[in-house]
Amino acid sequence: MQPGLSDPRIERMYRGDRIWSFVAVIVLWITLLFVFLRVTSGSATGGVVVALAVSGALVLLFNTASIAALLKHYTQDKAHLYGLDLHYIDEAKKGRL
């Protein structure tokens, strides 16, 4: 039997994944900002600064959008996604795997 949507473990797993997704995006933003400031604080020319800013902005945009899409998908289908994980966790605890 697969765990249903009413299983509190599903919501707990989803909240944990959501928190770690936000943490990952925040760490990425901080890291790229730090690297950008360190690299451009030297003797970077205007063209290099523009190229770094544009490429960094694109990385942040696409990565943030992909995490947002992942969370949207997880929200819509969390009963199936986490229910399947919980099913196998429960089976492993019973010694059937």
N, C-alpha and C. Protein backbone atom coordinates (compact mmCIF):
# COMPACT_ATOMS: atom_id res chain seq x y z
N MET A 1 0.84 -1.18 0.00
CA MET A 1 0.00 0.00 0.00
C MET A 1 0.88 1.24 0.00
N GLN A 2 0.59 2.16 -0.89
CA GLN A 2 1.36 3.37 -1.01
C GLN A 2 0.78 4.45 -0.09
N PRO A 3 1.63 5.23 0.60
CA PRO A 3 1.14 6.28 1.48
C PRO A 3 0.31 7.30 0.70
N GLY A 4 -0.75 7.80 1.32
CA GLY A 4 -1.63 8.76 0.68
C GLY A 4 -1.26 10.20 1.00
N LEU A 5 -2.02 11.11 0.40
CA LEU A 5 -1.75 12.54 0.58
C LEU A 5 -1.92 12.96 2.04
N SER A 6 -2.72 12.22 2.80
CA SER A 6 -2.95 12.58 4.20
C SER A 6 -1.78 12.20 5.09
N ASP A 7 -0.80 11.48 4.57
CA ASP A 7 0.36 11.07 5.35
C ASP A 7 1.20 12.31 5.69
N PRO A 8 1.38 12.62 6.97
CA PRO A 8 2.13 13.83 7.34
C PRO A 8 3.59 13.79 6.91
N ARG A 9 4.11 12.60 6.65
CA ARG A 9 5.51 12.50 6.21
C ARG A 9 5.70 13.14 4.85
N ILE A 10 4.67 13.11 4.00
CA ILE A 10 4.77 13.71 2.67
C ILE A 10 4.98 15.21 2.81
N GLU A 11 4.17 15.84 3.63
CA GLU A 11 4.30 17.29 3.81
C GLU A 11 5.64 17.64 4.45
N ARG A 12 6.11 16.82 5.38
CA ARG A 12 7.40 17.06 6.03
C ARG A 12 8.55 16.95 5.01
N MET A 13 8.49 15.94 4.16
CA MET A 13 9.54 15.78 3.14
C MET A 13 9.50 16.93 2.14
N TYR A 14 8.30 17.33 1.75
CA TYR A 14 8.15 18.44 0.80
C TYR A 14 8.70 19.74 1.40
N ARG A 15 8.36 20.02 2.67
CA ARG A 15 8.87 21.23 3.32
C ARG A 15 10.40 21.22 3.38
N GLY A 16 10.97 20.06 3.68
CA GLY A 16 12.43 19.96 3.72
C GLY A 16 13.06 20.23 2.37
N ASP A 17 12.49 19.65 1.32
CA ASP A 17 13.02 19.88 -0.03
C ASP A 17 12.87 21.34 -0.44
N ARG A 18 11.75 21.92 -0.05
CA ARG A 18 11.50 23.33 -0.39
C ARG A 18 12.51 24.23 0.32
N ILE A 19 12.76 23.98 1.59
CA ILE A 19 13.73 24.79 2.34
C ILE A 19 15.12 24.66 1.71
N TRP A 20 15.54 23.43 1.41
CA TRP A 20 16.87 23.23 0.83
C TRP A 20 16.97 23.85 -0.56
N SER A 21 15.87 23.89 -1.30
CA SER A 21 15.88 24.54 -2.61
C SER A 21 16.13 26.03 -2.47
N PHE A 22 15.43 26.65 -1.51
CA PHE A 22 15.64 28.08 -1.27
C PHE A 22 17.07 28.35 -0.79
N VAL A 23 17.58 27.51 0.09
CA VAL A 23 18.95 27.67 0.58
C VAL A 23 19.94 27.58 -0.58
N ALA A 24 19.74 26.61 -1.46
CA ALA A 24 20.65 26.44 -2.61
C ALA A 24 20.64 27.66 -3.51
N VAL A 25 19.46 28.21 -3.77
CA VAL A 25 19.37 29.40 -4.63
C VAL A 25 20.03 30.60 -3.95
N ILE A 26 19.80 30.78 -2.67
CA ILE A 26 20.41 31.90 -1.95
C ILE A 26 21.93 31.77 -1.93
N VAL A 27 22.43 30.57 -1.68
CA VAL A 27 23.88 30.35 -1.69
C VAL A 27 24.46 30.63 -3.08
N LEU A 28 23.75 30.21 -4.11
CA LEU A 28 24.22 30.49 -5.47
C LEU A 28 24.30 31.99 -5.73
N TRP A 29 23.26 32.73 -5.36
CA TRP A 29 23.25 34.18 -5.56
C TRP A 29 24.41 34.83 -4.81
N ILE A 30 24.60 34.45 -3.56
CA ILE A 30 25.68 35.04 -2.75
C ILE A 30 27.05 34.70 -3.35
N THR A 31 27.21 33.44 -3.76
CA THR A 31 28.49 33.01 -4.32
C THR A 31 28.81 33.76 -5.60
N LEU A 32 27.85 33.84 -6.50
CA LEU A 32 28.11 34.54 -7.76
C LEU A 32 28.34 36.03 -7.55
N LEU A 33 27.63 36.64 -6.63
CA LEU A 33 27.86 38.05 -6.33
C LEU A 33 29.25 38.25 -5.76
N PHE A 34 29.67 37.39 -4.84
CA PHE A 34 31.00 37.48 -4.26
C PHE A 34 32.08 37.33 -5.34
N VAL A 35 31.93 36.33 -6.18
CA VAL A 35 32.93 36.10 -7.24
C VAL A 35 32.96 37.29 -8.20
N PHE A 36 31.79 37.79 -8.56
CA PHE A 36 31.72 38.94 -9.48
C PHE A 36 32.45 40.14 -8.88
N LEU A 37 32.17 40.43 -7.60
CA LEU A 37 32.81 41.58 -6.96
C LEU A 37 34.31 41.39 -6.82
N ARG A 38 34.76 40.19 -6.51
CA ARG A 38 36.20 39.94 -6.37
C ARG A 38 36.93 40.03 -7.71
N VAL A 39 36.29 39.49 -8.75
CA VAL A 39 36.94 39.50 -10.07
C VAL A 39 36.97 40.90 -10.65
N THR A 40 35.88 41.62 -10.50
CA THR A 40 35.81 42.95 -11.12
C THR A 40 36.48 44.03 -10.28
N SER A 41 36.82 43.74 -9.03
CA SER A 41 37.49 44.76 -8.21
C SER A 41 38.94 44.96 -8.63
N GLY A 42 39.45 44.03 -9.39
CA GLY A 42 40.83 44.15 -9.88
C GLY A 42 40.89 45.11 -11.04
N SER A 43 41.61 44.74 -12.05
CA SER A 43 41.82 45.62 -13.20
C SER A 43 40.94 45.20 -14.39
N ALA A 44 39.69 44.82 -14.09
CA ALA A 44 38.80 44.40 -15.17
C ALA A 44 38.38 45.60 -16.01
N THR A 45 38.38 45.41 -17.32
CA THR A 45 37.95 46.48 -18.21
C THR A 45 36.43 46.48 -18.33
N GLY A 46 35.89 47.53 -18.92
CA GLY A 46 34.44 47.67 -19.04
C GLY A 46 33.78 46.52 -19.78
N GLY A 47 34.40 46.06 -20.84
CA GLY A 47 33.84 44.96 -21.62
C GLY A 47 33.80 43.66 -20.84
N VAL A 48 34.84 43.42 -20.06
CA VAL A 48 34.89 42.21 -19.24
C VAL A 48 33.82 42.26 -18.16
N VAL A 49 33.64 43.41 -17.54
CA VAL A 49 32.63 43.56 -16.50
C VAL A 49 31.23 43.33 -17.06
N VAL A 50 30.97 43.87 -18.23
CA VAL A 50 29.66 43.68 -18.87
C VAL A 50 29.45 42.21 -19.20
N ALA A 51 30.45 41.56 -19.77
CA ALA A 51 30.33 40.14 -20.12
C ALA A 51 30.09 39.29 -18.87
N LEU A 52 30.82 39.57 -17.80
CA LEU A 52 30.63 38.83 -16.55
C LEU A 52 29.24 39.09 -15.95
N ALA A 53 28.80 40.32 -16.00
CA ALA A 53 27.49 40.67 -15.44
C ALA A 53 26.38 39.98 -16.22
N VAL A 54 26.45 40.00 -17.53
CA VAL A 54 25.41 39.39 -18.36
C VAL A 54 25.41 37.87 -18.17
N SER A 55 26.58 37.26 -18.22
CA SER A 55 26.63 35.80 -18.08
C SER A 55 26.21 35.36 -16.67
N GLY A 56 26.62 36.10 -15.66
CA GLY A 56 26.21 35.78 -14.30
C GLY A 56 24.71 35.95 -14.10
N ALA A 57 24.15 37.00 -14.68
CA ALA A 57 22.71 37.23 -14.59
C ALA A 57 21.94 36.10 -15.28
N LEU A 58 22.44 35.63 -16.40
CA LEU A 58 21.76 34.53 -17.10
C LEU A 58 21.81 33.24 -16.29
N VAL A 59 22.96 32.97 -15.68
CA VAL A 59 23.07 31.77 -14.82
C VAL A 59 22.07 31.87 -13.67
N LEU A 60 22.01 33.02 -13.03
CA LEU A 60 21.08 33.20 -11.91
C LEU A 60 19.63 33.11 -12.37
N LEU A 61 19.33 33.71 -13.49
CA LEU A 61 17.96 33.68 -14.01
C LEU A 61 17.51 32.25 -14.32
N PHE A 62 18.31 31.53 -15.07
CA PHE A 62 17.91 30.18 -15.48
C PHE A 62 17.91 29.21 -14.30
N ASN A 63 18.87 29.35 -13.40
CA ASN A 63 18.90 28.44 -12.25
C ASN A 63 17.74 28.70 -11.31
N THR A 64 17.44 29.96 -11.06
CA THR A 64 16.32 30.30 -10.20
C THR A 64 15.00 29.85 -10.82
N ALA A 65 14.86 30.04 -12.12
CA ALA A 65 13.64 29.61 -12.82
C ALA A 65 13.50 28.08 -12.78
N SER A 66 14.60 27.36 -12.90
CA SER A 66 14.52 25.90 -12.87
C SER A 66 14.12 25.40 -11.48
N ILE A 67 14.62 26.03 -10.44
CA ILE A 67 14.24 25.65 -9.08
C ILE A 67 12.77 25.98 -8.84
N ALA A 68 12.30 27.11 -9.35
CA ALA A 68 10.89 27.47 -9.21
C ALA A 68 10.00 26.46 -9.93
N ALA A 69 10.41 26.04 -11.12
CA ALA A 69 9.63 25.03 -11.87
C ALA A 69 9.64 23.69 -11.15
N LEU A 70 10.77 23.33 -10.58
CA LEU A 70 10.86 22.08 -9.82
C LEU A 70 9.91 22.11 -8.63
N LEU A 71 9.90 23.21 -7.90
CA LEU A 71 9.00 23.32 -6.74
C LEU A 71 7.54 23.30 -7.16
N LYS A 72 7.23 23.91 -8.28
CA LYS A 72 5.85 23.89 -8.78
C LYS A 72 5.43 22.45 -9.10
N HIS A 73 6.32 21.72 -9.76
CA HIS A 73 6.04 20.33 -10.10
C HIS A 73 5.88 19.49 -8.84
N TYR A 74 6.78 19.69 -7.88
CA TYR A 74 6.69 18.94 -6.62
C TYR A 74 5.39 19.24 -5.89
N THR A 75 4.95 20.50 -5.92
CA THR A 75 3.70 20.88 -5.26
C THR A 75 2.51 20.18 -5.91
N GLN A 76 2.52 20.11 -7.23
CA GLN A 76 1.40 19.52 -7.96
C GLN A 76 1.34 18.01 -7.83
N ASP A 77 2.47 17.37 -7.66
CA ASP A 77 2.52 15.91 -7.71
C ASP A 77 3.19 15.30 -6.49
N LYS A 78 3.12 15.99 -5.35
CA LYS A 78 3.87 15.52 -4.19
C LYS A 78 3.36 14.20 -3.64
N ALA A 79 2.07 13.92 -3.76
CA ALA A 79 1.55 12.64 -3.26
C ALA A 79 2.22 11.48 -3.99
N HIS A 80 2.37 11.61 -5.30
CA HIS A 80 3.00 10.54 -6.08
C HIS A 80 4.51 10.49 -5.82
N LEU A 81 5.17 11.64 -5.91
CA LEU A 81 6.63 11.67 -5.78
C LEU A 81 7.10 11.19 -4.41
N TYR A 82 6.54 11.77 -3.38
CA TYR A 82 6.97 11.40 -2.03
C TYR A 82 6.33 10.10 -1.57
N GLY A 83 5.13 9.82 -2.05
CA GLY A 83 4.47 8.57 -1.70
C GLY A 83 5.27 7.37 -2.16
N LEU A 84 5.85 7.47 -3.34
CA LEU A 84 6.68 6.39 -3.87
C LEU A 84 7.93 6.21 -3.01
N ASP A 85 8.57 7.31 -2.65
CA ASP A 85 9.73 7.23 -1.76
C ASP A 85 9.36 6.58 -0.43
N LEU A 86 8.27 7.02 0.14
CA LEU A 86 7.84 6.50 1.44
C LEU A 86 7.46 5.02 1.35
N HIS A 87 6.89 4.63 0.24
CA HIS A 87 6.55 3.23 0.05
C HIS A 87 7.80 2.36 0.15
N TYR A 88 8.85 2.76 -0.56
CA TYR A 88 10.08 1.98 -0.54
C TYR A 88 10.81 2.08 0.80
N ILE A 89 10.71 3.23 1.46
CA ILE A 89 11.29 3.36 2.80
C ILE A 89 10.58 2.41 3.76
N ASP A 90 9.25 2.38 3.69
CA ASP A 90 8.47 1.49 4.56
C ASP A 90 8.79 0.03 4.28
N GLU A 91 8.91 -0.33 3.01
CA GLU A 91 9.24 -1.70 2.64
C GLU A 91 10.63 -2.08 3.14
N ALA A 92 11.56 -1.16 3.05
CA ALA A 92 12.92 -1.44 3.51
C ALA A 92 12.94 -1.65 5.02
N LYS A 93 12.13 -0.87 5.73
CA LYS A 93 12.06 -1.01 7.19
C LYS A 93 11.46 -2.35 7.58
N LYS A 94 10.56 -2.86 6.75
CA LYS A 94 9.95 -4.17 7.02
C LYS A 94 10.88 -5.31 6.64
N GLY A 95 11.95 -4.99 5.96
CA GLY A 95 12.92 -6.02 5.55
C GLY A 95 12.55 -6.71 4.26
N ARG A 96 11.68 -6.10 3.47
CA ARG A 96 11.25 -6.73 2.21
C ARG A 96 12.13 -6.36 1.04
N LEU A 97 13.03 -5.45 1.23
CA LEU A 97 13.89 -5.06 0.11
C LEU A 97 15.31 -5.52 0.34
